[in-house]
Amino acid sequence: MKRATQIFTVIILASCFFTGYLMASPDIVITLDGRPLAFDVPPRFENDTALVPVRAIFEALGASVSWDEAAQKVIAVKGTTEVNLTVGENTAYRNGASISLSTPAQVVEDRTLVPLRFVSEAFGAEVSWNREKQEIAIKSPAQTGPAVPAAPGQPLPQATPEKPAAPATPAPPAKTPGFANGQLWIWILGGLLILIGALSGARF
């Protein structure tokens, strides 16, 4: 009887010791690009897999989240990527392609918990675990904008067409000297009219 009492006492003390150790361990911290994330339901580990509230992670990554109550399915969309997770199933879908999960999504305290690594990497993020700090760090994908097309070169200035030179007024051909109205005249190149004389009845 005495021995049984001693064994029972050891078990109680051991339980208190391990319980105190678990309570004293730091809470798991999850950061996104160095910024701590807040959850109404704390993350937890199952089968060495970190499970986190799906809505908080999806929205932190910039995805829109919807819940299909009848199918118990979570649907998250970001850009051209769509992720589907069903509670209790070990298969998730990314743009229709099936992906196996080590731990299925589950409901805890009215919150759907999903594997953190899959959810993060499904949208191109990187996930790392720091055991000493008890910290899970998420690094979002580099934000790269659409390629900016190179500016086209400046067009060469159009040459202003030169105005055609005005055609020179052709010099009227020299005329044979004539006599009219009693005046002798000769038309010389350059348009100069020279009156030689006015001889009445003169002939040449």
C-alpha atoms as a PDB file:
ATOM      1  CA  MET A   1       0.000   0.000   0.000  1.00  0.00           C
ATOM      2  CA  LYS A   2       2.810   2.333   0.927  1.00  0.00           C
ATOM      3  CA  ARG A   3       4.617   1.557  -2.334  1.00  0.00           C
ATOM      4  CA  ALA A   4       1.466   2.202  -4.351  1.00  0.00           C
ATOM      5  CA  THR A   5       1.076   5.566  -2.624  1.00  0.00           C
ATOM      6  CA  GLN A   6       4.641   6.500  -3.512  1.00  0.00           C
ATOM      7  CA  ILE A   7       4.147   5.586  -7.167  1.00  0.00           C
ATOM      8  CA  PHE A   8       0.951   7.625  -7.305  1.00  0.00           C
ATOM      9  CA  THR A   9       2.742  10.607  -5.754  1.00  0.00           C
ATOM     10  CA  VAL A  10       5.533  10.392  -8.342  1.00  0.00           C
ATOM     11  CA  ILE A  11       2.980  10.318 -11.164  1.00  0.00           C
ATOM     12  CA  ILE A  12       1.198  13.401  -9.780  1.00  0.00           C
ATOM     13  CA  LEU A  13       4.466  15.326  -9.408  1.00  0.00           C
ATOM     14  CA  ALA A  14       5.585  14.349 -12.885  1.00  0.00           C
ATOM     15  CA  SER A  15       2.266  15.485 -14.311  1.00  0.00           C
ATOM     16  CA  CYS A  16       2.589  18.834 -12.562  1.00  0.00           C
ATOM     17  CA  PHE A  17       6.162  19.219 -13.815  1.00  0.00           C
ATOM     18  CA  PHE A  18       5.335  18.539 -17.466  1.00  0.00           C
ATOM     19  CA  THR A  19       2.166  20.602 -17.300  1.00  0.00           C
ATOM     20  CA  GLY A  20       4.150  23.524 -15.924  1.00  0.00           C
ATOM     21  CA  TYR A  21       6.749  23.073 -18.683  1.00  0.00           C
ATOM     22  CA  LEU A  22       4.095  23.183 -21.395  1.00  0.00           C
ATOM     23  CA  MET A  23       2.487  26.287 -19.916  1.00  0.00           C
ATOM     24  CA  ALA A  24       5.846  28.001 -19.657  1.00  0.00           C
ATOM     25  CA  SER A  25       6.825  27.287 -23.263  1.00  0.00           C
ATOM     26  CA  PRO A  26       6.516  30.362 -25.470  1.00  0.00           C
ATOM     27  CA  ASP A  27       3.538  30.612 -27.760  1.00  0.00           C
ATOM     28  CA  ILE A  28       4.138  29.963 -31.418  1.00  0.00           C
ATOM     29  CA  VAL A  29       4.607  33.221 -33.289  1.00  0.00           C
ATOM     30  CA  ILE A  30       3.793  33.512 -36.980  1.00  0.00           C
ATOM     31  CA  THR A  31       5.160  36.457 -38.923  1.00  0.00           C
ATOM     32  CA  LEU A  32       4.523  37.639 -42.449  1.00  0.00           C
ATOM     33  CA  ASP A  33       7.442  39.600 -43.893  1.00  0.00           C
ATOM     34  CA  GLY A  34       8.601  40.271 -40.334  1.00  0.00           C
ATOM     35  CA  ARG A  35       5.199  41.436 -39.089  1.00  0.00           C
ATOM     36  CA  PRO A  36       3.528  39.280 -36.390  1.00  0.00           C
ATOM     37  CA  LEU A  37       0.083  37.949 -37.269  1.00  0.00           C
ATOM     38  CA  ALA A  38      -2.742  37.783 -34.735  1.00  0.00           C
ATOM     39  CA  PHE A  39      -5.144  34.831 -34.497  1.00  0.00           C
ATOM     40  CA  ASP A  40      -8.305  34.403 -32.453  1.00  0.00           C
ATOM     41  CA  VAL A  41      -7.483  30.680 -32.308  1.00  0.00           C
ATOM     42  CA  PRO A  42      -3.814  29.909 -31.586  1.00  0.00           C
ATOM     43  CA  PRO A  43      -1.853  27.795 -34.063  1.00  0.00           C
ATOM     44  CA  ARG A  44      -1.167  24.205 -33.094  1.00  0.00           C
ATOM     45  CA  PHE A  45       0.936  21.285 -34.234  1.00  0.00           C
ATOM     46  CA  GLU A  46      -0.357  17.905 -35.296  1.00  0.00           C
ATOM     47  CA  ASN A  47       1.880  15.242 -36.832  1.00  0.00           C
ATOM     48  CA  ASP A  48       4.660  17.832 -36.948  1.00  0.00           C
ATOM     49  CA  THR A  49       2.430  20.032 -39.078  1.00  0.00           C
ATOM     50  CA  ALA A  50       1.538  23.570 -38.093  1.00  0.00           C
ATOM     51  CA  LEU A  51      -2.187  24.200 -38.367  1.00  0.00           C
ATOM     52  CA  VAL A  52      -3.451  27.780 -38.507  1.00  0.00           C
ATOM     53  CA  PRO A  53      -6.812  29.512 -38.962  1.00  0.00           C
ATOM     54  CA  VAL A  54      -7.335  29.508 -42.695  1.00  0.00           C
ATOM     55  CA  ARG A  55      -9.060  32.871 -43.082  1.00  0.00           C
ATOM     56  CA  ALA A  56      -6.373  34.798 -41.218  1.00  0.00           C
ATOM     57  CA  ILE A  57      -3.556  33.337 -43.315  1.00  0.00           C
ATOM     58  CA  PHE A  58      -5.356  33.574 -46.643  1.00  0.00           C
ATOM     59  CA  GLU A  59      -6.375  37.180 -46.096  1.00  0.00           C
ATOM     60  CA  ALA A  60      -2.900  38.104 -44.852  1.00  0.00           C
ATOM     61  CA  LEU A  61      -1.565  36.787 -48.157  1.00  0.00           C
ATOM     62  CA  GLY A  62      -4.032  38.947 -50.057  1.00  0.00           C
ATOM     63  CA  ALA A  63      -6.531  36.248 -51.033  1.00  0.00           C
ATOM     64  CA  SER A  64     -10.308  36.450 -50.835  1.00  0.00           C
ATOM     65  CA  VAL A  65     -11.927  33.677 -48.782  1.00  0.00           C
ATOM     66  CA  SER A  66     -15.351  32.052 -48.972  1.00  0.00           C
ATOM     67  CA  TRP A  67     -16.874  29.167 -47.018  1.00  0.00           C
ATOM     68  CA  ASP A  68     -19.223  26.532 -48.437  1.00  0.00           C
ATOM     69  CA  GLU A  69     -21.160  25.371 -45.397  1.00  0.00           C
ATOM     70  CA  ALA A  70     -22.902  22.493 -47.152  1.00  0.00           C
ATOM     71  CA  ALA A  71     -19.684  21.043 -48.543  1.00  0.00           C
ATOM     72  CA  GLN A  72     -17.545  22.101 -45.559  1.00  0.00           C
ATOM     73  CA  LYS A  73     -15.152  23.595 -48.075  1.00  0.00           C
ATOM     74  CA  VAL A  74     -12.849  26.600 -47.974  1.00  0.00           C
ATOM     75  CA  ILE A  75     -12.252  28.426 -51.237  1.00  0.00           C
ATOM     76  CA  ALA A  76      -9.522  31.043 -51.552  1.00  0.00           C
ATOM     77  CA  VAL A  77      -8.761  33.047 -54.657  1.00  0.00           C
ATOM     78  CA  LYS A  78      -5.846  35.324 -55.397  1.00  0.00           C
ATOM     79  CA  GLY A  79      -5.341  36.529 -58.921  1.00  0.00           C
ATOM     80  CA  THR A  80      -5.402  33.481 -61.172  1.00  0.00           C
ATOM     81  CA  THR A  81      -4.806  31.014 -58.312  1.00  0.00           C
ATOM     82  CA  GLU A  82      -7.692  29.191 -56.624  1.00  0.00           C
ATOM     83  CA  VAL A  83      -7.232  26.892 -53.629  1.00  0.00           C
ATOM     84  CA  ASN A  84      -9.900  24.482 -52.333  1.00  0.00           C
ATOM     85  CA  LEU A  85      -9.737  22.646 -49.014  1.00  0.00           C
ATOM     86  CA  THR A  86     -12.398  20.388 -47.555  1.00  0.00           C
ATOM     87  CA  VAL A  87     -12.579  19.684 -43.839  1.00  0.00           C
ATOM     88  CA  GLY A  88     -11.501  16.138 -42.987  1.00  0.00           C
ATOM     89  CA  GLU A  89      -9.902  15.394 -46.363  1.00  0.00           C
ATOM     90  CA  ASN A  90      -6.223  14.826 -47.076  1.00  0.00           C
ATOM     91  CA  THR A  91      -6.448  16.279 -50.567  1.00  0.00           C
ATOM     92  CA  ALA A  92      -6.467  19.938 -51.513  1.00  0.00           C
ATOM     93  CA  TYR A  93      -6.748  21.487 -54.942  1.00  0.00           C
ATOM     94  CA  ARG A  94      -4.815  24.285 -56.549  1.00  0.00           C
ATOM     95  CA  ASN A  95      -6.244  25.412 -59.868  1.00  0.00           C
ATOM     96  CA  GLY A  96      -7.819  21.976 -60.220  1.00  0.00           C
ATOM     97  CA  ALA A  97      -4.620  20.020 -59.546  1.00  0.00           C
ATOM     98  CA  SER A  98      -4.798  17.714 -56.518  1.00  0.00           C
ATOM     99  CA  ILE A  99      -2.224  18.003 -53.733  1.00  0.00           C
ATOM    100  CA  SER A 100      -1.854  15.567 -50.828  1.00  0.00           C
ATOM    101  CA  LEU A 101      -1.861  16.965 -47.289  1.00  0.00           C
ATOM    102  CA  SER A 102      -0.061  15.350 -44.386  1.00  0.00           C
ATOM    103  CA  THR A 103      -2.841  16.554 -42.092  1.00  0.00           C
ATOM    104  CA  PRO A 104      -6.407  17.297 -43.213  1.00  0.00           C
ATOM    105  CA  ALA A 105      -8.139  20.580 -42.535  1.00  0.00           C
ATOM    106  CA  GLN A 106     -10.149  20.519 -39.300  1.00  0.00           C
ATOM    107  CA  VAL A 107     -12.526  22.700 -37.327  1.00  0.00           C
ATOM    108  CA  VAL A 108     -11.383  23.902 -33.897  1.00  0.00           C
ATOM    109  CA  GLU A 109     -13.448  26.348 -31.851  1.00  0.00           C
ATOM    110  CA  ASP A 110     -15.549  27.212 -34.903  1.00  0.00           C
ATOM    111  CA  ARG A 111     -12.431  28.025 -36.903  1.00  0.00           C
ATOM    112  CA  THR A 112     -11.094  26.011 -39.809  1.00  0.00           C
ATOM    113  CA  LEU A 113      -7.438  25.113 -39.307  1.00  0.00           C
ATOM    114  CA  VAL A 114      -5.310  24.113 -42.262  1.00  0.00           C
ATOM    115  CA  PRO A 115      -1.652  23.190 -42.808  1.00  0.00           C
ATOM    116  CA  LEU A 116       0.281  26.430 -42.851  1.00  0.00           C
ATOM    117  CA  ARG A 117       2.990  25.375 -45.273  1.00  0.00           C
ATOM    118  CA  PHE A 118       0.569  24.281 -47.969  1.00  0.00           C
ATOM    119  CA  VAL A 119      -1.605  27.365 -47.670  1.00  0.00           C
ATOM    120  CA  SER A 120       1.377  29.694 -47.801  1.00  0.00           C
ATOM    121  CA  GLU A 121       3.222  27.963 -50.605  1.00  0.00           C
ATOM    122  CA  ALA A 122       0.023  27.593 -52.611  1.00  0.00           C
ATOM    123  CA  PHE A 123       0.236  31.331 -53.202  1.00  0.00           C
ATOM    124  CA  GLY A 124       3.980  31.396 -53.801  1.00  0.00           C
ATOM    125  CA  ALA A 125       5.126  32.288 -50.269  1.00  0.00           C
ATOM    126  CA  GLU A 126       8.118  30.771 -48.470  1.00  0.00           C
ATOM    127  CA  VAL A 127       7.772  29.247 -44.993  1.00  0.00           C
ATOM    128  CA  SER A 128      10.530  28.602 -42.452  1.00  0.00           C
ATOM    129  CA  TRP A 129      10.486  27.336 -38.850  1.00  0.00           C
ATOM    130  CA  ASN A 130      12.775  28.635 -36.099  1.00  0.00           C
ATOM    131  CA  ARG A 131      12.614  26.099 -33.286  1.00  0.00           C
ATOM    132  CA  GLU A 132      14.599  28.210 -30.816  1.00  0.00           C
ATOM    133  CA  LYS A 133      12.355  31.233 -31.229  1.00  0.00           C
ATOM    134  CA  GLN A 134       9.246  29.102 -31.729  1.00  0.00           C
ATOM    135  CA  GLU A 135       8.594  31.265 -34.766  1.00  0.00           C
ATOM    136  CA  ILE A 136       7.137  30.450 -38.150  1.00  0.00           C
ATOM    137  CA  ALA A 137       8.236  33.021 -40.705  1.00  0.00           C
ATOM    138  CA  ILE A 138       6.312  33.551 -43.927  1.00  0.00           C
ATOM    139  CA  LYS A 139       7.921  35.477 -46.742  1.00  0.00           C
ATOM    140  CA  SER A 140       5.522  36.680 -49.384  1.00  0.00           C
ATOM    141  CA  PRO A 141       6.514  36.390 -53.027  1.00  0.00           C
ATOM    142  CA  ALA A 142       8.376  39.306 -54.530  1.00  0.00           C
ATOM    143  CA  GLN A 143       5.968  41.868 -55.821  1.00  0.00           C
ATOM    144  CA  THR A 144       6.946  42.380 -59.393  1.00  0.00           C
ATOM    145  CA  GLY A 145       4.905  44.662 -61.557  1.00  0.00           C
ATOM    146  CA  PRO A 146       4.175  44.003 -65.197  1.00  0.00           C
ATOM    147  CA  ALA A 147       7.098  44.486 -67.483  1.00  0.00           C
ATOM    148  CA  VAL A 148       7.270  48.021 -68.744  1.00  0.00           C
ATOM    149  CA  PRO A 149       7.860  48.098 -72.484  1.00  0.00           C
ATOM    150  CA  ALA A 150      10.926  49.950 -73.542  1.00  0.00           C
ATOM    151  CA  ALA A 151      10.191  53.450 -74.672  1.00  0.00           C
ATOM    152  CA  PRO A 152      10.303  53.616 -78.430  1.00  0.00           C
ATOM    153  CA  GLY A 153      13.072  55.726 -79.862  1.00  0.00           C
ATOM    154  CA  GLN A 154      12.237  59.207 -80.911  1.00  0.00           C
ATOM    155  CA  PRO A 155      11.330  59.258 -84.578  1.00  0.00           C
ATOM    156  CA  LEU A 156      13.723  61.041 -86.779  1.00  0.00           C
ATOM    157  CA  PRO A 157      12.510  64.517 -87.650  1.00  0.00           C
ATOM    158  CA  GLN A 158      10.874  64.672 -90.992  1.00  0.00           C
ATOM    159  CA  ALA A 159      12.766  66.773 -93.431  1.00  0.00           C
ATOM    160  CA  THR A 160      10.771  69.809 -94.377  1.00  0.00           C
ATOM    161  CA  PRO A 161      10.347  69.652 -98.103  1.00  0.00           C
ATOM    162  CA  GLU A 162      11.916  72.577 -99.763  1.00  0.00           C
ATOM    163  CA  LYS A 163       9.658  74.768-101.777  1.00  0.00           C
ATOM    164  CA  PRO A 164      10.369  74.345-105.422  1.00  0.00           C
ATOM    165  CA  ALA A 165      12.117  77.317-106.835  1.00  0.00           C
ATOM    166  CA  ALA A 166       9.876  79.511-108.868  1.00  0.00           C
ATOM    167  CA  PRO A 167      10.589  78.834-112.484  1.00  0.00           C
ATOM    168  CA  ALA A 168      12.454  81.637-114.099  1.00  0.00           C
ATOM    169  CA  THR A 169      10.345  83.681-116.413  1.00  0.00           C
ATOM    170  CA  PRO A 170      11.522  82.684-119.806  1.00  0.00           C
ATOM    171  CA  ALA A 171      12.840  85.548-121.736  1.00  0.00           C
ATOM    172  CA  PRO A 172      10.652  86.277-124.683  1.00  0.00           C
ATOM    173  CA  PRO A 173      12.359  85.527-127.891  1.00  0.00           C
ATOM    174  CA  ALA A 174      13.876  88.409-129.705  1.00  0.00           C
ATOM    175  CA  LYS A 175      11.530  89.753-132.253  1.00  0.00           C
ATOM    176  CA  THR A 176      12.345  90.971-135.617  1.00  0.00           C
ATOM    177  CA  PRO A 177      12.405  94.751-135.601  1.00  0.00           C
ATOM    178  CA  GLY A 178       9.123  96.105-136.772  1.00  0.00           C
ATOM    179  CA  PHE A 179       7.378  99.367-137.349  1.00  0.00           C
ATOM    180  CA  ALA A 180       3.877 100.150-136.215  1.00  0.00           C
ATOM    181  CA  ASN A 181       1.852 103.277-135.657  1.00  0.00           C
ATOM    182  CA  GLY A 182       4.746 105.324-136.841  1.00  0.00           C
ATOM    183  CA  GLN A 183       7.092 103.956-134.104  1.00  0.00           C
ATOM    184  CA  LEU A 184      10.134 101.810-134.551  1.00  0.00           C
ATOM    185  CA  TRP A 185      10.729  99.382-131.720  1.00  0.00           C
ATOM    186  CA  ILE A 186      12.903  96.456-130.854  1.00  0.00           C
ATOM    187  CA  TRP A 187      12.171  93.921-128.073  1.00  0.00           C
ATOM    188  CA  ILE A 188      15.425  93.106-126.378  1.00  0.00           C
ATOM    189  CA  LEU A 189      16.152  90.327-123.855  1.00  0.00           C
ATOM    190  CA  GLY A 190      15.258  91.431-120.351  1.00  0.00           C
ATOM    191  CA  GLY A 191      11.955  92.996-121.282  1.00  0.00           C
ATOM    192  CA  LEU A 192      13.366  96.404-122.215  1.00  0.00           C
ATOM    193  CA  LEU A 193      11.539  98.240-124.886  1.00  0.00           C
ATOM    194  CA  ILE A 194      13.641 100.666-126.760  1.00  0.00           C
ATOM    195  CA  LEU A 195      12.066 103.163-129.039  1.00  0.00           C
ATOM    196  CA  ILE A 196      14.382 103.945-131.845  1.00  0.00           C
ATOM    197  CA  GLY A 197      12.286 106.571-133.391  1.00  0.00           C
ATOM    198  CA  ALA A 198       8.985 107.656-134.721  1.00  0.00           C
ATOM    199  CA  LEU A 199       9.385 108.371-138.307  1.00  0.00           C
ATOM    200  CA  SER A 200       6.233 108.784-140.250  1.00  0.00           C
ATOM    201  CA  GLY A 201       6.253 106.686-143.328  1.00  0.00           C
ATOM    202  CA  ALA A 202       9.735 105.324-142.639  1.00  0.00           C
ATOM    203  CA  ARG A 203      10.509 101.954-144.001  1.00  0.00           C
ATOM    204  CA  PHE A 204      13.192  99.457-143.337  1.00  0.00           C
END
